[in-house]
Every structure is written in C-alpha cells, then in structure tokens.
Amino acid sequence: MADAAAVQPQKPAPVEINPNQIPDALTSRKQWIVWKWVWNGKKWDKPPYRADGRGNASSTDPSTWTTFNVALTLIRPVNTTVLVLY
C-alpha cells in the first residue's frame, strides 16, 4: 500500500483576480500580502508571503504587509494565486 504522504493530488486551480472589482477603500490600504499553493507533504497549504521576498508574511505584523499595487505585480511572476487584505 502506498504511503498517503507520497500521493500528491493536483494543485487546486488558481483564483482569478479582477483588480477593478476591488473597492478603492480596500486597495488604498497598505495591508496586502500574497500566498501560493505549497505541498507540505500531506496537503496543499497556503502560506502568506512578503512582497519584499524576505520570507513569510504575518497577519499580526504590519511590517510584512505591502500596498495593493505592489502585491498585484507579484501574483503573476512568482505564481502566487491570491491577494489577501489584513
């Protein structure tokens, strides 16, 4: 019998983002991070990432957040899937 940790299901589909549908009241805040799907050996996980490339972001540390426009430029090049507002 195969080890369950060795069987990696297909990565979930990316979430499409339409920046024009996000209100200015939210996009004007410097409270954005990005996340991407990462296989952790058992399941797909969504760790938050910093825009400056210095590791993971934190929901409780504003120094790890960025502007909407900066986060938006990151979602395509680094294959992230979602913007998150904290």
N, C-alpha and C. Protein backbone atom coordinates (compact mmCIF):
# COMPACT_ATOMS: atom_id res chain seq x y z
N MET A 1 0.85 -1.19 0.00
CA MET A 1 0.00 0.00 0.00
C MET A 1 0.89 1.25 0.00
N ALA A 2 0.56 2.20 -0.82
CA ALA A 2 1.36 3.43 -0.94
C ALA A 2 1.15 4.33 0.27
N ASP A 3 2.20 5.00 0.65
CA ASP A 3 2.14 5.97 1.75
C ASP A 3 1.29 7.16 1.31
N ALA A 4 0.33 7.56 2.13
CA ALA A 4 -0.57 8.68 1.78
C ALA A 4 0.20 9.97 1.56
N ALA A 5 1.30 10.16 2.29
CA ALA A 5 2.08 11.39 2.15
C ALA A 5 2.76 11.46 0.79
N ALA A 6 2.98 10.30 0.15
CA ALA A 6 3.67 10.29 -1.14
C ALA A 6 2.73 10.60 -2.29
N VAL A 7 1.44 10.48 -2.08
CA VAL A 7 0.46 10.72 -3.13
C VAL A 7 0.06 12.19 -3.09
N GLN A 8 0.54 12.92 -4.06
CA GLN A 8 0.27 14.37 -4.11
C GLN A 8 -0.86 14.64 -5.10
N PRO A 9 -2.03 15.06 -4.62
CA PRO A 9 -3.11 15.40 -5.55
C PRO A 9 -2.76 16.65 -6.35
N GLN A 10 -3.49 16.84 -7.42
CA GLN A 10 -3.27 18.01 -8.26
C GLN A 10 -3.46 19.29 -7.46
N LYS A 11 -2.61 20.27 -7.75
CA LYS A 11 -2.71 21.57 -7.08
C LYS A 11 -4.07 22.20 -7.40
N PRO A 12 -4.73 22.81 -6.41
CA PRO A 12 -6.00 23.49 -6.68
C PRO A 12 -5.85 24.57 -7.76
N ALA A 13 -6.91 24.81 -8.47
CA ALA A 13 -6.90 25.80 -9.56
C ALA A 13 -6.65 27.19 -9.00
N PRO A 14 -5.92 28.03 -9.76
CA PRO A 14 -5.70 29.41 -9.31
C PRO A 14 -7.00 30.20 -9.27
N VAL A 15 -7.02 31.16 -8.39
CA VAL A 15 -8.17 32.05 -8.28
C VAL A 15 -7.91 33.25 -9.18
N GLU A 16 -8.82 33.52 -10.08
CA GLU A 16 -8.67 34.68 -10.96
C GLU A 16 -9.04 35.95 -10.20
N ILE A 17 -8.24 36.97 -10.37
CA ILE A 17 -8.46 38.25 -9.68
C ILE A 17 -8.75 39.33 -10.69
N ASN A 18 -9.83 40.05 -10.47
CA ASN A 18 -10.14 41.22 -11.29
C ASN A 18 -9.93 42.45 -10.41
N PRO A 19 -8.78 43.11 -10.54
CA PRO A 19 -8.46 44.25 -9.67
C PRO A 19 -9.49 45.37 -9.73
N ASN A 20 -10.19 45.49 -10.85
CA ASN A 20 -11.19 46.55 -11.00
C ASN A 20 -12.42 46.32 -10.14
N GLN A 21 -12.59 45.12 -9.61
CA GLN A 21 -13.75 44.82 -8.78
C GLN A 21 -13.47 44.98 -7.28
N ILE A 22 -12.25 45.38 -6.94
CA ILE A 22 -11.90 45.58 -5.54
C ILE A 22 -12.04 47.07 -5.23
N PRO A 23 -12.84 47.43 -4.25
CA PRO A 23 -13.11 48.84 -3.95
C PRO A 23 -11.84 49.62 -3.56
N ASP A 24 -11.82 50.89 -3.93
CA ASP A 24 -10.71 51.78 -3.58
C ASP A 24 -10.48 51.84 -2.07
N ALA A 25 -11.55 51.72 -1.31
CA ALA A 25 -11.43 51.77 0.15
C ALA A 25 -10.53 50.63 0.67
N LEU A 26 -10.44 49.54 -0.08
CA LEU A 26 -9.57 48.44 0.30
C LEU A 26 -8.20 48.53 -0.37
N THR A 27 -8.19 48.88 -1.66
CA THR A 27 -6.91 48.93 -2.38
C THR A 27 -6.01 50.05 -1.89
N SER A 28 -6.58 51.04 -1.23
CA SER A 28 -5.77 52.16 -0.73
C SER A 28 -5.01 51.81 0.56
N ARG A 29 -5.34 50.70 1.18
CA ARG A 29 -4.68 50.30 2.43
C ARG A 29 -3.37 49.55 2.17
N LYS A 30 -2.40 49.79 3.00
CA LYS A 30 -1.14 49.04 2.92
C LYS A 30 -1.23 47.84 3.86
N GLN A 31 -2.14 46.93 3.50
CA GLN A 31 -2.41 45.76 4.33
C GLN A 31 -2.51 44.50 3.47
N TRP A 32 -1.72 44.40 2.42
CA TRP A 32 -1.84 43.30 1.47
C TRP A 32 -0.64 42.36 1.55
N ILE A 33 -0.91 41.08 1.34
CA ILE A 33 0.13 40.06 1.18
C ILE A 33 -0.32 39.17 0.02
N VAL A 34 0.52 38.24 -0.37
CA VAL A 34 0.14 37.24 -1.37
C VAL A 34 0.38 35.86 -0.77
N TRP A 35 -0.27 34.85 -1.33
CA TRP A 35 0.02 33.48 -0.94
C TRP A 35 0.03 32.62 -2.17
N LYS A 36 0.64 31.44 -2.05
CA LYS A 36 0.63 30.49 -3.16
C LYS A 36 0.45 29.08 -2.59
N TRP A 37 -0.03 28.18 -3.43
CA TRP A 37 -0.19 26.80 -3.01
C TRP A 37 1.17 26.15 -2.86
N VAL A 38 1.39 25.47 -1.72
CA VAL A 38 2.63 24.74 -1.45
C VAL A 38 2.26 23.37 -0.88
N TRP A 39 2.82 22.32 -1.45
CA TRP A 39 2.58 20.98 -0.94
C TRP A 39 3.43 20.78 0.31
N ASN A 40 2.79 20.44 1.44
CA ASN A 40 3.54 20.30 2.70
C ASN A 40 3.83 18.83 3.05
N GLY A 41 3.61 17.94 2.10
CA GLY A 41 3.86 16.52 2.34
C GLY A 41 2.60 15.74 2.64
N LYS A 42 1.55 16.45 3.07
CA LYS A 42 0.27 15.81 3.38
C LYS A 42 -0.90 16.46 2.66
N LYS A 43 -0.81 17.78 2.47
CA LYS A 43 -1.90 18.51 1.83
C LYS A 43 -1.37 19.80 1.23
N TRP A 44 -2.18 20.42 0.40
CA TRP A 44 -1.84 21.73 -0.15
C TRP A 44 -2.08 22.78 0.92
N ASP A 45 -1.11 23.65 1.11
CA ASP A 45 -1.18 24.71 2.12
C ASP A 45 -1.06 26.06 1.42
N LYS A 46 -1.40 27.14 2.14
CA LYS A 46 -1.38 28.49 1.56
C LYS A 46 -0.60 29.45 2.46
N PRO A 47 0.70 29.29 2.56
CA PRO A 47 1.45 30.22 3.41
C PRO A 47 1.48 31.62 2.82
N PRO A 48 1.36 32.64 3.66
CA PRO A 48 1.43 34.02 3.18
C PRO A 48 2.88 34.43 2.95
N TYR A 49 3.10 35.21 1.89
CA TYR A 49 4.45 35.66 1.56
C TYR A 49 4.55 37.18 1.57
N ARG A 50 5.74 37.66 1.92
CA ARG A 50 6.04 39.09 1.93
C ARG A 50 6.36 39.55 0.51
N ALA A 51 6.01 40.78 0.21
CA ALA A 51 6.29 41.36 -1.10
C ALA A 51 7.78 41.58 -1.33
N ASP A 52 8.54 41.77 -0.25
CA ASP A 52 9.97 42.05 -0.39
C ASP A 52 10.81 40.78 -0.55
N GLY A 53 10.15 39.61 -0.57
CA GLY A 53 10.86 38.36 -0.78
C GLY A 53 11.62 37.85 0.43
N ARG A 54 11.39 38.45 1.59
CA ARG A 54 12.12 38.06 2.79
C ARG A 54 11.35 37.07 3.65
N GLY A 55 10.71 36.10 3.03
CA GLY A 55 10.04 35.05 3.80
C GLY A 55 8.54 35.22 3.89
N ASN A 56 8.00 34.62 4.94
CA ASN A 56 6.55 34.62 5.11
C ASN A 56 6.05 35.93 5.70
N ALA A 57 4.83 36.27 5.34
CA ALA A 57 4.14 37.42 5.92
C ALA A 57 3.42 36.96 7.19
N SER A 58 2.96 37.91 7.97
CA SER A 58 2.26 37.61 9.22
C SER A 58 0.99 38.43 9.30
N SER A 59 -0.08 37.80 9.76
CA SER A 59 -1.35 38.52 9.93
C SER A 59 -1.30 39.50 11.09
N THR A 60 -0.27 39.41 11.93
CA THR A 60 -0.17 40.29 13.10
C THR A 60 1.00 41.26 13.04
N ASP A 61 1.76 41.26 11.95
CA ASP A 61 2.93 42.13 11.84
C ASP A 61 2.82 43.01 10.59
N PRO A 62 2.35 44.25 10.75
CA PRO A 62 2.17 45.15 9.60
C PRO A 62 3.44 45.40 8.79
N SER A 63 4.61 45.19 9.37
CA SER A 63 5.85 45.40 8.61
C SER A 63 6.02 44.37 7.50
N THR A 64 5.22 43.30 7.52
CA THR A 64 5.30 42.27 6.48
C THR A 64 4.25 42.48 5.39
N TRP A 65 3.46 43.51 5.48
CA TRP A 65 2.41 43.80 4.51
C TRP A 65 2.91 44.78 3.46
N THR A 66 2.14 44.96 2.39
CA THR A 66 2.53 45.88 1.32
C THR A 66 1.29 46.56 0.74
N THR A 67 1.50 47.36 -0.28
CA THR A 67 0.38 48.03 -0.95
C THR A 67 -0.28 47.06 -1.93
N PHE A 68 -1.49 47.39 -2.30
CA PHE A 68 -2.23 46.58 -3.27
C PHE A 68 -1.47 46.49 -4.59
N ASN A 69 -0.98 47.64 -5.08
CA ASN A 69 -0.30 47.64 -6.39
C ASN A 69 0.96 46.79 -6.39
N VAL A 70 1.72 46.84 -5.31
CA VAL A 70 2.93 46.00 -5.24
C VAL A 70 2.53 44.53 -5.20
N ALA A 71 1.56 44.18 -4.38
CA ALA A 71 1.12 42.79 -4.29
C ALA A 71 0.57 42.31 -5.63
N LEU A 72 -0.16 43.17 -6.30
CA LEU A 72 -0.73 42.80 -7.59
C LEU A 72 0.35 42.48 -8.61
N THR A 73 1.45 43.21 -8.60
CA THR A 73 2.53 42.94 -9.55
C THR A 73 3.22 41.61 -9.26
N LEU A 74 3.07 41.09 -8.05
CA LEU A 74 3.74 39.84 -7.68
C LEU A 74 2.95 38.60 -8.02
N ILE A 75 1.67 38.69 -8.20
CA ILE A 75 0.88 37.47 -8.32
C ILE A 75 1.15 36.69 -9.60
N ARG A 76 1.59 37.32 -10.66
CA ARG A 76 1.91 36.58 -11.88
C ARG A 76 3.35 36.05 -11.89
N PRO A 77 4.37 36.89 -11.65
CA PRO A 77 5.75 36.39 -11.79
C PRO A 77 6.12 35.25 -10.85
N VAL A 78 5.60 35.25 -9.64
CA VAL A 78 6.00 34.21 -8.68
C VAL A 78 4.95 33.12 -8.55
N ASN A 79 3.98 33.11 -9.45
CA ASN A 79 2.97 32.06 -9.48
C ASN A 79 2.17 31.98 -8.19
N THR A 80 1.92 33.12 -7.57
CA THR A 80 1.04 33.13 -6.41
C THR A 80 -0.39 33.17 -6.92
N THR A 81 -1.32 32.93 -6.05
CA THR A 81 -2.69 32.82 -6.53
C THR A 81 -3.64 33.85 -5.95
N VAL A 82 -3.33 34.41 -4.84
CA VAL A 82 -4.33 35.27 -4.20
C VAL A 82 -3.67 36.44 -3.49
N LEU A 83 -4.39 37.54 -3.49
CA LEU A 83 -4.04 38.70 -2.67
C LEU A 83 -4.88 38.60 -1.41
N VAL A 84 -4.33 38.98 -0.29
CA VAL A 84 -5.07 38.95 0.97
C VAL A 84 -4.94 40.30 1.64
N LEU A 85 -6.06 40.82 2.12
CA LEU A 85 -6.07 42.07 2.88
C LEU A 85 -6.11 41.72 4.35
N TYR A 86 -5.16 42.23 5.14
CA TYR A 86 -5.17 42.01 6.59
C TYR A 86 -5.76 43.21 7.27
